[in-house]
């Protein structure tokens, strides 16, 4: 479960969605 979350987070960062979290 945690591993999948980490992958999703990495993908979001790659897509630039991390800006949404900020």
PDB file of N, CA and C in Angstrom:
ATOM      1  N   UNK A   1       0.841  -1.196   0.000  1.00  0.00           N
ATOM      2  CA  UNK A   1       0.000   0.000   0.000  1.00  0.00           C
ATOM      3  C   UNK A   1       0.885   1.258   0.000  1.00  0.00           C
ATOM      4  N   UNK A   2       1.831   1.293   0.918  1.00  0.00           N
ATOM      5  CA  UNK A   2       2.697   2.473   0.992  1.00  0.00           C
ATOM      6  C   UNK A   2       3.549   2.597  -0.264  1.00  0.00           C
ATOM      7  N   UNK A   3       3.981   1.455  -0.770  1.00  0.00           N
ATOM      8  CA  UNK A   3       4.817   1.493  -1.978  1.00  0.00           C
ATOM      9  C   UNK A   3       4.035   2.123  -3.129  1.00  0.00           C
ATOM     10  N   UNK A   4       2.774   1.734  -3.260  1.00  0.00           N
ATOM     11  CA  UNK A   4       1.961   2.271  -4.353  1.00  0.00           C
ATOM     12  C   UNK A   4       1.802   3.785  -4.170  1.00  0.00           C
ATOM     13  N   UNK A   5       1.624   4.216  -2.930  1.00  0.00           N
ATOM     14  CA  UNK A   5       1.444   5.649  -2.672  1.00  0.00           C
ATOM     15  C   UNK A   5       2.704   6.409  -3.077  1.00  0.00           C
ATOM     16  N   UNK A   6       3.853   5.806  -2.767  1.00  0.00           N
ATOM     17  CA  UNK A   6       5.125   6.464  -3.111  1.00  0.00           C
ATOM     18  C   UNK A   6       5.234   6.603  -4.631  1.00  0.00           C
ATOM     19  N   UNK A   7       4.836   5.583  -5.351  1.00  0.00           N
ATOM     20  CA  UNK A   7       4.905   5.634  -6.816  1.00  0.00           C
ATOM     21  C   UNK A   7       3.983   6.729  -7.338  1.00  0.00           C
ATOM     22  N   UNK A   8       2.788   6.812  -6.762  1.00  0.00           N
ATOM     23  CA  UNK A   8       1.841   7.842  -7.214  1.00  0.00           C
ATOM     24  C   UNK A   8       2.411   9.227  -6.946  1.00  0.00           C
ATOM     25  N   UNK A   9       3.028   9.379  -5.780  1.00  0.00           N
ATOM     26  CA  UNK A   9       3.609  10.693  -5.432  1.00  0.00           C
ATOM     27  C   UNK A   9       4.704  11.047  -6.428  1.00  0.00           C
ATOM     28  N   UNK A  10       5.528  10.054  -6.767  1.00  0.00           N
ATOM     29  CA  UNK A  10       6.628  10.320  -7.706  1.00  0.00           C
ATOM     30  C   UNK A  10       6.044  10.701  -9.071  1.00  0.00           C
ATOM     31  N   UNK A  11       4.985  10.026  -9.468  1.00  0.00           N
ATOM     32  CA  UNK A  11       4.378  10.329 -10.776  1.00  0.00           C
ATOM     33  C   UNK A  11       3.798  11.733 -10.746  1.00  0.00           C
ATOM     34  N   UNK A  12       3.147  12.088  -9.650  1.00  0.00           N
ATOM     35  CA  UNK A  12       2.559  13.426  -9.534  1.00  0.00           C
ATOM     36  C   UNK A  12       3.657  14.471  -9.627  1.00  0.00           C
ATOM     37  N   UNK A  13       4.763  14.228  -8.951  1.00  0.00           N
ATOM     38  CA  UNK A  13       5.874  15.190  -8.983  1.00  0.00           C
ATOM     39  C   UNK A  13       6.378  15.316 -10.414  1.00  0.00           C
ATOM     40  N   UNK A  14       6.446  14.184 -11.110  1.00  0.00           N
ATOM     41  CA  UNK A  14       6.924  14.197 -12.493  1.00  0.00           C
ATOM     42  C   UNK A  14       5.969  15.014 -13.370  1.00  0.00           C
ATOM     43  N   UNK A  15       4.695  14.933 -13.050  1.00  0.00           N
ATOM     44  CA  UNK A  15       3.703  15.654 -13.863  1.00  0.00           C
ATOM     45  C   UNK A  15       3.600  17.111 -13.419  1.00  0.00           C
ATOM     46  N   UNK A  16       4.170  17.413 -12.262  1.00  0.00           N
ATOM     47  CA  UNK A  16       4.113  18.793 -11.796  1.00  0.00           C
ATOM     48  C   UNK A  16       2.875  19.031 -10.942  1.00  0.00           C
ATOM     49  N   UNK A  17       2.210  17.956 -10.550  1.00  0.00           N
ATOM     50  CA  UNK A  17       1.005  18.109  -9.711  1.00  0.00           C
ATOM     51  C   UNK A  17       1.412  18.484  -8.282  1.00  0.00           C
ATOM     52  N   UNK A  18       2.685  18.316  -7.969  1.00  0.00           N
ATOM     53  CA  UNK A  18       3.165  18.655  -6.624  1.00  0.00           C
ATOM     54  C   UNK A  18       2.821  20.113  -6.325  1.00  0.00           C
ATOM     55  N   UNK A  19       2.693  20.917  -7.364  1.00  0.00           N
ATOM     56  CA  UNK A  19       2.349  22.335  -7.163  1.00  0.00           C
ATOM     57  C   UNK A  19       0.981  22.442  -6.493  1.00  0.00           C
ATOM     58  N   UNK A  20       0.113  21.500  -6.809  1.00  0.00           N
ATOM     59  CA  UNK A  20      -1.229  21.514  -6.230  1.00  0.00           C
ATOM     60  C   UNK A  20      -1.164  21.245  -4.731  1.00  0.00           C
ATOM     61  N   UNK A  21      -0.237  20.391  -4.317  1.00  0.00           N
ATOM     62  CA  UNK A  21      -0.100  20.039  -2.889  1.00  0.00           C
ATOM     63  C   UNK A  21       0.458  21.233  -2.114  1.00  0.00           C
ATOM     64  N   UNK A  22       1.304  22.013  -2.764  1.00  0.00           N
ATOM     65  CA  UNK A  22       1.922  23.163  -2.062  1.00  0.00           C
ATOM     66  C   UNK A  22       0.807  24.101  -1.646  1.00  0.00           C
TER      67      UNK A  22
END
